[in-house]
Amino acid sequence: LEDARQRAATLGQWVGRLMARLFGRDG
């Protein structure tokens, strides 16, 4: 959560990074 927050400038980027972290490995 915190890493995605630090790398995000907007709410959209924060959620995008979290979804990529949770499901990117699944394609």
PDB file of all heavy atoms in Angstrom:
ATOM      1  N   LEU A   1       0.825  -1.214   0.000  1.00  0.00           N
ATOM      2  CA  LEU A   1       0.000   0.000   0.000  1.00  0.00           C
ATOM      3  C   LEU A   1       0.854   1.256   0.000  1.00  0.00           C
ATOM      4  O   LEU A   1       0.616   2.206  -0.748  1.00  0.00           O
ATOM      5  CB  LEU A   1      -0.898   0.002   1.238  1.00  0.00           C
ATOM      6  CG  LEU A   1      -2.333  -0.480   1.136  1.00  0.00           C
ATOM      7  CD1 LEU A   1      -3.005  -0.392   2.489  1.00  0.00           C
ATOM      8  CD2 LEU A   1      -3.107   0.322   0.101  1.00  0.00           C
ATOM      9  N   GLU A   2       1.857   1.275   0.881  1.00  0.00           N
ATOM     10  CA  GLU A   2       2.679   2.473   1.046  1.00  0.00           C
ATOM     11  C   GLU A   2       3.590   2.700  -0.155  1.00  0.00           C
ATOM     12  O   GLU A   2       3.778   3.835  -0.596  1.00  0.00           O
ATOM     13  CB  GLU A   2       3.498   2.347   2.336  1.00  0.00           C
ATOM     14  CG  GLU A   2       4.400   3.523   2.640  1.00  0.00           C
ATOM     15  CD  GLU A   2       3.649   4.840   2.810  1.00  0.00           C
ATOM     16  OE1 GLU A   2       2.413   4.809   2.985  1.00  0.00           O
ATOM     17  OE2 GLU A   2       4.303   5.891   2.746  1.00  0.00           O
ATOM     18  N   ASP A   3       4.150   1.636  -0.703  1.00  0.00           N
ATOM     19  CA  ASP A   3       5.015   1.790  -1.874  1.00  0.00           C
ATOM     20  C   ASP A   3       4.236   2.353  -3.057  1.00  0.00           C
ATOM     21  O   ASP A   3       4.707   3.254  -3.759  1.00  0.00           O
ATOM     22  CB  ASP A   3       5.636   0.439  -2.235  1.00  0.00           C
ATOM     23  CG  ASP A   3       6.542   0.530  -3.457  1.00  0.00           C
ATOM     24  OD1 ASP A   3       7.625   1.147  -3.346  1.00  0.00           O
ATOM     25  OD2 ASP A   3       6.162   0.007  -4.524  1.00  0.00           O
ATOM     26  N   ALA A   4       3.026   1.823  -3.272  1.00  0.00           N
ATOM     27  CA  ALA A   4       2.199   2.347  -4.362  1.00  0.00           C
ATOM     28  C   ALA A   4       1.831   3.800  -4.119  1.00  0.00           C
ATOM     29  O   ALA A   4       1.805   4.615  -5.050  1.00  0.00           O
ATOM     30  CB  ALA A   4       0.940   1.495  -4.516  1.00  0.00           C
ATOM     31  N   ARG A   5       1.568   4.151  -2.870  1.00  0.00           N
ATOM     32  CA  ARG A   5       1.243   5.546  -2.537  1.00  0.00           C
ATOM     33  C   ARG A   5       2.413   6.467  -2.839  1.00  0.00           C
ATOM     34  O   ARG A   5       2.251   7.536  -3.436  1.00  0.00           O
ATOM     35  CB  ARG A   5       0.861   5.659  -1.057  1.00  0.00           C
ATOM     36  CG  ARG A   5       0.436   7.065  -0.636  1.00  0.00           C
ATOM     37  CD  ARG A   5       0.516   7.259   0.854  1.00  0.00           C
ATOM     38  NE  ARG A   5       1.869   7.221   1.357  1.00  0.00           N
ATOM     39  CZ  ARG A   5       2.721   8.252   1.311  1.00  0.00           C
ATOM     40  NH1 ARG A   5       2.358   9.395   0.751  1.00  0.00           N
ATOM     41  NH2 ARG A   5       3.946   8.144   1.793  1.00  0.00           N
ATOM     42  N   GLN A   6       3.602   6.061  -2.460  1.00  0.00           N
ATOM     43  CA  GLN A   6       4.774   6.901  -2.660  1.00  0.00           C
ATOM     44  C   GLN A   6       5.072   7.121  -4.138  1.00  0.00           C
ATOM     45  O   GLN A   6       5.575   8.182  -4.526  1.00  0.00           O
ATOM     46  CB  GLN A   6       5.983   6.283  -1.968  1.00  0.00           C
ATOM     47  CG  GLN A   6       5.927   6.298  -0.454  1.00  0.00           C
ATOM     48  CD  GLN A   6       7.120   5.611   0.180  1.00  0.00           C
ATOM     49  OE1 GLN A   6       8.081   5.242  -0.501  1.00  0.00           O
ATOM     50  NE2 GLN A   6       7.062   5.429   1.496  1.00  0.00           N
ATOM     51  N   ARG A   7       4.762   6.144  -4.964  1.00  0.00           N
ATOM     52  CA  ARG A   7       5.067   6.229  -6.395  1.00  0.00           C
ATOM     53  C   ARG A   7       3.944   6.877  -7.211  1.00  0.00           C
ATOM     54  O   ARG A   7       4.093   7.043  -8.420  1.00  0.00           O
ATOM     55  CB  ARG A   7       5.345   4.829  -6.943  1.00  0.00           C
ATOM     56  CG  ARG A   7       6.601   4.178  -6.378  1.00  0.00           C
ATOM     57  CD  ARG A   7       6.669   2.708  -6.776  1.00  0.00           C
ATOM     58  NE  ARG A   7       7.855   2.067  -6.261  1.00  0.00           N
ATOM     59  CZ  ARG A   7       8.987   1.933  -6.928  1.00  0.00           C
ATOM     60  NH1 ARG A   7       9.091   2.417  -8.158  1.00  0.00           N
ATOM     61  NH2 ARG A   7      10.019   1.326  -6.394  1.00  0.00           N
ATOM     62  N   ALA A   8       2.832   7.198  -6.552  1.00  0.00           N
ATOM     63  CA  ALA A   8       1.664   7.732  -7.266  1.00  0.00           C
ATOM     64  C   ALA A   8       1.493   9.218  -6.990  1.00  0.00           C
ATOM     65  O   ALA A   8       1.649   9.668  -5.853  1.00  0.00           O
ATOM     66  CB  ALA A   8       0.407   6.977  -6.855  1.00  0.00           C
ATOM     67  N   ALA A   9       1.145   9.961  -8.015  1.00  0.00           N
ATOM     68  CA  ALA A   9       0.849  11.385  -7.856  1.00  0.00           C
ATOM     69  C   ALA A   9      -0.650  11.640  -7.741  1.00  0.00           C
ATOM     70  O   ALA A   9      -1.071  12.658  -7.197  1.00  0.00           O
ATOM     71  CB  ALA A   9       1.415  12.173  -9.038  1.00  0.00           C
ATOM     72  N   THR A  10      -1.463  10.710  -8.255  1.00  0.00           N
ATOM     73  CA  THR A  10      -2.913  10.903  -8.264  1.00  0.00           C
ATOM     74  C   THR A  10      -3.606   9.661  -7.701  1.00  0.00           C
ATOM     75  O   THR A  10      -3.003   8.583  -7.579  1.00  0.00           O
ATOM     76  CB  THR A  10      -3.427  11.139  -9.694  1.00  0.00           C
ATOM     77  OG1 THR A  10      -3.202   9.949 -10.469  1.00  0.00           O
ATOM     78  CG2 THR A  10      -2.727  12.328 -10.347  1.00  0.00           C
ATOM     79  N   LEU A  11      -4.888   9.832  -7.412  1.00  0.00           N
ATOM     80  CA  LEU A  11      -5.678   8.697  -6.934  1.00  0.00           C
ATOM     81  C   LEU A  11      -5.708   7.596  -7.980  1.00  0.00           C
ATOM     82  O   LEU A  11      -5.600   6.403  -7.655  1.00  0.00           O
ATOM     83  CB  LEU A  11      -7.100   9.160  -6.600  1.00  0.00           C
ATOM     84  CG  LEU A  11      -8.084   8.087  -6.129  1.00  0.00           C
ATOM     85  CD1 LEU A  11      -7.584   7.408  -4.860  1.00  0.00           C
ATOM     86  CD2 LEU A  11      -9.467   8.684  -5.907  1.00  0.00           C
ATOM     87  N   GLY A  12      -5.852   7.963  -9.246  1.00  0.00           N
ATOM     88  CA  GLY A  12      -5.891   6.966 -10.312  1.00  0.00           C
ATOM     89  C   GLY A  12      -4.603   6.168 -10.392  1.00  0.00           C
ATOM     90  O   GLY A  12      -4.620   4.948 -10.584  1.00  0.00           O
ATOM     91  N   GLN A  13      -3.474   6.833 -10.249  1.00  0.00           N
ATOM     92  CA  GLN A  13      -2.189   6.136 -10.301  1.00  0.00           C
ATOM     93  C   GLN A  13      -2.024   5.200  -9.103  1.00  0.00           C
ATOM     94  O   GLN A  13      -1.481   4.099  -9.230  1.00  0.00           O
ATOM     95  CB  GLN A  13      -1.046   7.145 -10.348  1.00  0.00           C
ATOM     96  CG  GLN A  13      -0.947   7.914 -11.643  1.00  0.00           C
ATOM     97  CD  GLN A  13       0.114   8.999 -11.584  1.00  0.00           C
ATOM     98  OE1 GLN A  13       0.906   9.062 -10.644  1.00  0.00           O
ATOM     99  NE2 GLN A  13       0.123   9.864 -12.589  1.00  0.00           N
ATOM    100  N   TRP A  14      -2.480   5.634  -7.931  1.00  0.00           N
ATOM    101  CA  TRP A  14      -2.369   4.793  -6.737  1.00  0.00           C
ATOM    102  C   TRP A  14      -3.145   3.489  -6.937  1.00  0.00           C
ATOM    103  O   TRP A  14      -2.619   2.400  -6.708  1.00  0.00           O
ATOM    104  CB  TRP A  14      -2.902   5.560  -5.522  1.00  0.00           C
ATOM    105  CG  TRP A  14      -2.639   4.886  -4.192  1.00  0.00           C
ATOM    106  CD1 TRP A  14      -1.575   4.088  -3.881  1.00  0.00           C
ATOM    107  CD2 TRP A  14      -3.451   4.960  -3.023  1.00  0.00           C
ATOM    108  NE1 TRP A  14      -1.667   3.664  -2.570  1.00  0.00           N
ATOM    109  CE2 TRP A  14      -2.814   4.178  -2.020  1.00  0.00           C
ATOM    110  CE3 TRP A  14      -4.635   5.606  -2.713  1.00  0.00           C
ATOM    111  CZ2 TRP A  14      -3.337   4.039  -0.743  1.00  0.00           C
ATOM    112  CZ3 TRP A  14      -5.149   5.473  -1.429  1.00  0.00           C
ATOM    113  CH2 TRP A  14      -4.503   4.698  -0.459  1.00  0.00           C
ATOM    114  N   VAL A  15      -4.386   3.611  -7.383  1.00  0.00           N
ATOM    115  CA  VAL A  15      -5.206   2.419  -7.579  1.00  0.00           C
ATOM    116  C   VAL A  15      -4.652   1.569  -8.723  1.00  0.00           C
ATOM    117  O   VAL A  15      -4.612   0.339  -8.637  1.00  0.00           O
ATOM    118  CB  VAL A  15      -6.667   2.812  -7.845  1.00  0.00           C
ATOM    119  CG1 VAL A  15      -7.512   1.582  -8.172  1.00  0.00           C
ATOM    120  CG2 VAL A  15      -7.236   3.536  -6.631  1.00  0.00           C
ATOM    121  N   GLY A  16      -4.190   2.217  -9.782  1.00  0.00           N
ATOM    122  CA  GLY A  16      -3.615   1.468 -10.895  1.00  0.00           C
ATOM    123  C   GLY A  16      -2.412   0.642 -10.458  1.00  0.00           C
ATOM    124  O   GLY A  16      -2.276  -0.531 -10.831  1.00  0.00           O
ATOM    125  N   ARG A  17      -1.554   1.228  -9.651  1.00  0.00           N
ATOM    126  CA  ARG A  17      -0.380   0.499  -9.165  1.00  0.00           C
ATOM    127  C   ARG A  17      -0.777  -0.659  -8.258  1.00  0.00           C
ATOM    128  O   ARG A  17      -0.168  -1.734  -8.297  1.00  0.00           O
ATOM    129  CB  ARG A  17       0.566   1.453  -8.436  1.00  0.00           C
ATOM    130  CG  ARG A  17       1.359   2.354  -9.375  1.00  0.00           C
ATOM    131  CD  ARG A  17       2.363   3.208  -8.637  1.00  0.00           C
ATOM    132  NE  ARG A  17       3.262   3.856  -9.581  1.00  0.00           N
ATOM    133  CZ  ARG A  17       4.339   3.287 -10.109  1.00  0.00           C
ATOM    134  NH1 ARG A  17       4.662   2.047  -9.741  1.00  0.00           N
ATOM    135  NH2 ARG A  17       5.106   3.914 -10.966  1.00  0.00           N
ATOM    136  N   LEU A  18      -1.790  -0.439  -7.422  1.00  0.00           N
ATOM    137  CA  LEU A  18      -2.224  -1.513  -6.536  1.00  0.00           C
ATOM    138  C   LEU A  18      -2.838  -2.672  -7.333  1.00  0.00           C
ATOM    139  O   LEU A  18      -2.562  -3.850  -7.047  1.00  0.00           O
ATOM    140  CB  LEU A  18      -3.242  -0.986  -5.520  1.00  0.00           C
ATOM    141  CG  LEU A  18      -2.679  -0.050  -4.445  1.00  0.00           C
ATOM    142  CD1 LEU A  18      -3.807   0.528  -3.602  1.00  0.00           C
ATOM    143  CD2 LEU A  18      -1.666  -0.774  -3.558  1.00  0.00           C
ATOM    144  N   MET A  19      -3.657  -2.355  -8.325  1.00  0.00           N
ATOM    145  CA  MET A  19      -4.255  -3.412  -9.134  1.00  0.00           C
ATOM    146  C   MET A  19      -3.184  -4.155  -9.937  1.00  0.00           C
ATOM    147  O   MET A  19      -3.247  -5.382 -10.098  1.00  0.00           O
ATOM    148  CB  MET A  19      -5.315  -2.825 -10.068  1.00  0.00           C
ATOM    149  CG  MET A  19      -6.537  -2.252  -9.351  1.00  0.00           C
ATOM    150  SD  MET A  19      -7.499  -3.513  -8.458  1.00  0.00           S
ATOM    151  CE  MET A  19      -8.258  -4.376  -9.827  1.00  0.00           C
ATOM    152  N   ALA A  20      -2.181  -3.417 -10.430  1.00  0.00           N
ATOM    153  CA  ALA A  20      -1.083  -4.066 -11.140  1.00  0.00           C
ATOM    154  C   ALA A  20      -0.297  -4.977 -10.208  1.00  0.00           C
ATOM    155  O   ALA A  20       0.139  -6.068 -10.593  1.00  0.00           O
ATOM    156  CB  ALA A  20      -0.164  -3.013 -11.758  1.00  0.00           C
ATOM    157  N   ARG A  21      -0.117  -4.531  -8.959  1.00  0.00           N
ATOM    158  CA  ARG A  21       0.614  -5.345  -7.986  1.00  0.00           C
ATOM    159  C   ARG A  21      -0.160  -6.611  -7.635  1.00  0.00           C
ATOM    160  O   ARG A  21       0.417  -7.700  -7.497  1.00  0.00           O
ATOM    161  CB  ARG A  21       0.856  -4.517  -6.718  1.00  0.00           C
ATOM    162  CG  ARG A  21       1.336  -5.297  -5.505  1.00  0.00           C
ATOM    163  CD  ARG A  21       2.674  -5.978  -5.732  1.00  0.00           C
ATOM    164  NE  ARG A  21       3.077  -6.751  -4.570  1.00  0.00           N
ATOM    165  CZ  ARG A  21       2.658  -7.974  -4.275  1.00  0.00           C
ATOM    166  NH1 ARG A  21       1.789  -8.580  -5.079  1.00  0.00           N
ATOM    167  NH2 ARG A  21       3.077  -8.600  -3.193  1.00  0.00           N
ATOM    168  N   LEU A  22      -1.482  -6.510  -7.525  1.00  0.00           N
ATOM    169  CA  LEU A  22      -2.287  -7.663  -7.138  1.00  0.00           C
ATOM    170  C   LEU A  22      -2.493  -8.648  -8.283  1.00  0.00           C
ATOM    171  O   LEU A  22      -2.535  -9.865  -8.053  1.00  0.00           O
ATOM    172  CB  LEU A  22      -3.649  -7.202  -6.611  1.00  0.00           C
ATOM    173  CG  LEU A  22      -3.662  -6.458  -5.273  1.00  0.00           C
ATOM    174  CD1 LEU A  22      -5.052  -5.949  -4.961  1.00  0.00           C
ATOM    175  CD2 LEU A  22      -3.158  -7.354  -4.147  1.00  0.00           C
ATOM    176  N   PHE A  23      -2.629  -8.142  -9.530  1.00  0.00           N
ATOM    177  CA  PHE A  23      -3.067  -9.014 -10.619  1.00  0.00           C
ATOM    178  C   PHE A  23      -2.179  -8.981 -11.864  1.00  0.00           C
ATOM    179  O   PHE A  23      -2.477  -9.686 -12.825  1.00  0.00           O
ATOM    180  CB  PHE A  23      -4.502  -8.655 -11.025  1.00  0.00           C
ATOM    181  CG  PHE A  23      -5.494  -8.803  -9.910  1.00  0.00           C
ATOM    182  CD1 PHE A  23      -6.064  -7.685  -9.301  1.00  0.00           C
ATOM    183  CD2 PHE A  23      -5.859 -10.050  -9.450  1.00  0.00           C
ATOM    184  CE1 PHE A  23      -6.974  -7.818  -8.268  1.00  0.00           C
ATOM    185  CE2 PHE A  23      -6.777 -10.192  -8.409  1.00  0.00           C
ATOM    186  CZ  PHE A  23      -7.330  -9.078  -7.821  1.00  0.00           C
ATOM    187  N   GLY A  24      -1.113  -8.174 -11.847  1.00  0.00           N
ATOM    188  CA  GLY A  24      -0.239  -8.127 -13.023  1.00  0.00           C
ATOM    189  C   GLY A  24       0.392  -9.464 -13.335  1.00  0.00           C
ATOM    190  O   GLY A  24       0.544  -9.844 -14.509  1.00  0.00           O
ATOM    191  N   ARG A  25       0.749 -10.228 -12.310  1.00  0.00           N
ATOM    192  CA  ARG A  25       1.370 -11.538 -12.526  1.00  0.00           C
ATOM    193  C   ARG A  25       0.403 -12.514 -13.189  1.00  0.00           C
ATOM    194  O   ARG A  25       0.832 -13.529 -13.759  1.00  0.00           O
ATOM    195  CB  ARG A  25       1.860 -12.095 -11.189  1.00  0.00           C
ATOM    196  CG  ARG A  25       0.770 -12.688 -10.318  1.00  0.00           C
ATOM    197  CD  ARG A  25       1.205 -13.032  -8.918  1.00  0.00           C
ATOM    198  NE  ARG A  25       1.090 -11.884  -8.030  1.00  0.00           N
ATOM    199  CZ  ARG A  25       1.163 -11.964  -6.713  1.00  0.00           C
ATOM    200  NH1 ARG A  25       1.400 -13.119  -6.127  1.00  0.00           N
ATOM    201  NH2 ARG A  25       1.031 -10.887  -5.974  1.00  0.00           N
ATOM    202  N   ASP A  26      -0.899 -12.235 -13.101  1.00  0.00           N
ATOM    203  CA  ASP A  26      -1.910 -13.092 -13.716  1.00  0.00           C
ATOM    204  C   ASP A  26      -2.256 -12.653 -15.130  1.00  0.00           C
ATOM    205  O   ASP A  26      -3.099 -13.279 -15.776  1.00  0.00           O
ATOM    206  CB  ASP A  26      -3.175 -13.085 -12.854  1.00  0.00           C
ATOM    207  CG  ASP A  26      -2.887 -13.472 -11.417  1.00  0.00           C
ATOM    208  OD1 ASP A  26      -2.528 -14.636 -11.183  1.00  0.00           O
ATOM    209  OD2 ASP A  26      -3.000 -12.603 -10.531  1.00  0.00           O
ATOM    210  N   GLY A  27      -1.620 -11.576 -15.592  1.00  0.00           N
ATOM    211  CA  GLY A  27      -1.860 -11.124 -16.950  1.00  0.00           C
ATOM    212  C   GLY A  27      -2.979 -10.121 -17.109  1.00  0.00           C
ATOM    213  O   GLY A  27      -3.418  -9.851 -18.232  1.00  0.00           O
TER     214      GLY A  27
END
